[in-house]
Amino acid sequence: MKREKVPKDAEAERLALRLLSNRDHSEGELIQKLKARGFSEKEIEPTIQRLKALGFLSDSRYALELAARWAKKNLLSNAHIGQRLAQRGIDQDLIRKAMLEAERALPTAERIQRLIERQRARYLRPKNAKFPMNQFLLRRGFLPEEIGPVIDPEGGFQEE
């Protein structure tokens, strides 16, 4: 029995659905993965449009969910969240909205406080506790003006 040939755009849609069944993707990520599998722009474009129309593909939903998760679970700074979203092909307007969502999910000061609590034993030293913790937080992408209110000028930690 001869196998019926499936049109390439239907094949692209089937693969896209399989990828989306594992986890959400940005439009850019999905296009990149389909191109890597040998599909052309002509085959990819209708697939992307159909998935968006069906609600299976939404950069907005994807960016907002990731930003909130990264803020709450990974305690990432807004700068790192923005950088990671940009790497996934999210446009700048959505990145700004996502960073606002991250701030709503868990305010920056609270993320810093939780990181301090998590790292306190490692960085707490009698003479210079502030400097190593400052460096740690700066490497995590937090701005000095975000760190300052949480770490007091004498090098200790402000208690809530």
Protein backbone atom coordinates (compact mmCIF):
# COMPACT_ATOMS: atom_id res chain seq x y z
CA MET A 1 0.00 0.00 0.00
CA LYS A 2 1.38 3.35 -1.07
CA ARG A 3 1.66 6.08 1.53
CA GLU A 4 -0.11 9.32 0.65
CA LYS A 5 2.20 12.33 0.48
CA VAL A 6 1.37 15.02 3.04
CA PRO A 7 1.70 18.66 1.89
CA LYS A 8 4.76 20.42 3.34
CA ASP A 9 2.69 23.14 5.07
CA ALA A 10 0.60 20.47 6.82
CA GLU A 11 3.84 18.79 7.85
CA ALA A 12 5.12 22.12 9.20
CA GLU A 13 1.93 22.59 11.20
CA ARG A 14 2.14 19.09 12.63
CA LEU A 15 5.72 19.68 13.77
CA ALA A 16 4.84 23.11 15.22
CA LEU A 17 1.96 21.60 17.20
CA ARG A 18 4.24 18.88 18.52
CA LEU A 19 6.78 21.50 19.63
CA LEU A 20 4.06 23.58 21.29
CA SER A 21 2.69 20.53 23.08
CA ASN A 22 5.98 20.27 25.00
CA ARG A 23 6.17 23.95 26.00
CA ASP A 24 5.18 27.41 24.81
CA HIS A 25 7.45 29.02 22.23
CA SER A 26 7.81 32.53 20.90
CA GLU A 27 6.98 33.09 17.27
CA GLY A 28 10.67 33.67 16.57
CA GLU A 29 11.72 30.43 18.26
CA LEU A 30 9.13 28.42 16.38
CA ILE A 31 10.12 29.91 13.02
CA GLN A 32 13.77 29.19 13.78
CA LYS A 33 13.04 25.56 14.67
CA LEU A 34 10.91 25.03 11.57
CA LYS A 35 13.61 26.55 9.35
CA ALA A 36 16.19 24.28 10.98
CA ARG A 37 14.01 21.31 9.94
CA GLY A 38 14.13 22.44 6.32
CA PHE A 39 10.81 24.25 5.91
CA SER A 40 10.70 27.37 3.75
CA GLU A 41 9.21 30.77 4.63
CA LYS A 42 6.36 29.95 2.24
CA GLU A 43 5.50 26.84 4.26
CA ILE A 44 6.10 28.41 7.67
CA GLU A 45 4.08 31.62 7.32
CA PRO A 46 0.61 30.02 6.94
CA THR A 47 1.39 27.69 9.84
CA ILE A 48 2.33 30.59 12.12
CA GLN A 49 -0.78 32.57 11.13
CA ARG A 50 -3.04 29.58 11.75
CA LEU A 51 -1.52 28.82 15.15
CA LYS A 52 -1.90 32.47 16.18
CA ALA A 53 -5.53 32.51 14.99
CA LEU A 54 -6.25 29.36 17.02
CA GLY A 55 -4.61 30.86 20.10
CA PHE A 56 -1.85 28.25 20.27
CA LEU A 57 0.89 30.81 19.65
CA SER A 58 1.02 34.13 21.50
CA ASP A 59 4.22 36.06 22.11
CA SER A 60 2.36 38.24 24.60
CA ARG A 61 1.15 35.34 26.75
CA TYR A 62 4.53 33.63 26.47
CA ALA A 63 6.52 36.71 27.53
CA LEU A 64 4.24 37.59 30.45
CA GLU A 65 4.25 34.04 31.81
CA LEU A 66 8.02 33.68 31.52
CA ALA A 67 8.70 37.06 33.12
CA ALA A 68 6.47 36.29 36.11
CA ARG A 69 8.01 32.81 36.52
CA TRP A 70 11.59 34.08 36.26
CA ALA A 71 10.87 36.85 38.77
CA LYS A 72 9.24 34.52 41.32
CA LYS A 73 11.21 31.32 40.90
CA ASN A 74 14.64 32.39 39.66
CA LEU A 75 14.60 35.84 41.33
CA LEU A 76 16.01 37.40 38.15
CA SER A 77 16.44 41.13 37.75
CA ASN A 78 14.33 42.96 35.20
CA ALA A 79 17.48 43.46 33.10
CA HIS A 80 18.10 39.70 32.94
CA ILE A 81 14.45 39.02 32.19
CA GLY A 82 14.55 41.52 29.33
CA GLN A 83 17.77 40.04 27.99
CA ARG A 84 16.43 36.48 28.04
CA LEU A 85 13.18 37.49 26.33
CA ALA A 86 15.11 39.34 23.62
CA GLN A 87 17.18 36.19 23.02
CA ARG A 88 13.91 34.34 22.44
CA GLY A 89 12.80 36.80 19.77
CA ILE A 90 10.34 38.90 21.79
CA ASP A 91 9.98 42.51 20.60
CA GLN A 92 10.89 45.46 22.84
CA ASP A 93 7.31 46.61 23.50
CA LEU A 94 6.37 43.18 24.82
CA ILE A 95 9.58 43.03 26.84
CA ARG A 96 8.63 46.29 28.59
CA LYS A 97 5.17 44.90 29.38
CA ALA A 98 6.70 41.65 30.60
CA MET A 99 9.07 43.49 32.93
CA LEU A 100 6.08 45.32 34.41
CA GLU A 101 4.41 41.93 34.92
CA ALA A 102 7.57 40.64 36.62
CA GLU A 103 7.47 43.64 38.95
CA ARG A 104 3.82 42.92 39.77
CA ALA A 105 4.55 39.22 40.31
CA LEU A 106 7.40 39.94 42.75
CA PRO A 107 8.74 43.47 43.30
CA THR A 108 12.46 44.00 42.72
CA ALA A 109 13.17 44.86 46.37
CA GLU A 110 11.60 41.58 47.47
CA ARG A 111 13.63 39.61 44.90
CA ILE A 112 16.80 41.24 46.23
CA GLN A 113 15.80 40.49 49.82
CA ARG A 114 15.13 36.84 48.99
CA LEU A 115 18.48 36.55 47.21
CA ILE A 116 20.20 38.07 50.24
CA GLU A 117 18.48 35.57 52.53
CA ARG A 118 19.48 32.73 50.24
CA GLN A 119 23.10 33.89 50.05
CA ARG A 120 23.51 35.39 53.53
CA ALA A 121 25.75 32.66 54.98
CA ARG A 122 28.02 32.75 51.97
CA TYR A 123 28.53 36.52 51.85
CA LEU A 124 28.05 37.60 55.46
CA ARG A 125 31.44 38.54 56.87
CA PRO A 126 32.04 40.76 59.89
CA LYS A 127 33.99 43.59 58.22
CA ASN A 128 32.89 43.71 54.59
CA ALA A 129 29.53 42.02 54.23
CA LYS A 130 28.16 44.70 51.91
CA PHE A 131 30.76 44.54 49.16
CA PRO A 132 30.54 40.86 48.21
CA MET A 133 26.73 40.93 48.36
CA ASN A 134 26.66 44.09 46.26
CA GLN A 135 28.86 42.41 43.68
CA PHE A 136 26.69 39.31 43.68
CA LEU A 137 23.52 41.37 43.14
CA LEU A 138 25.15 43.52 40.44
CA ARG A 139 26.21 40.37 38.58
CA ARG A 140 22.57 39.24 38.77
CA GLY A 141 21.61 42.42 36.88
CA PHE A 142 20.17 44.49 39.70
CA LEU A 143 20.90 48.22 39.58
CA PRO A 144 22.75 50.02 42.40
CA GLU A 145 19.65 52.14 43.10
CA GLU A 146 17.64 48.93 43.54
CA ILE A 147 20.24 47.38 45.85
CA GLY A 148 20.91 50.45 48.02
CA PRO A 149 17.60 50.53 49.92
CA VAL A 150 17.95 46.85 50.85
CA ILE A 151 21.59 46.86 52.00
CA ASP A 152 22.31 49.55 54.58
CA PRO A 153 25.33 51.91 54.32
CA GLU A 154 27.24 50.20 57.15
CA GLY A 155 27.43 47.00 55.16
CA GLY A 156 24.77 45.06 56.99
CA PHE A 157 21.31 44.10 55.88
CA GLN A 158 18.18 46.01 56.62
CA GLU A 159 15.64 43.89 58.37
CA GLU A 160 12.04 44.04 57.17
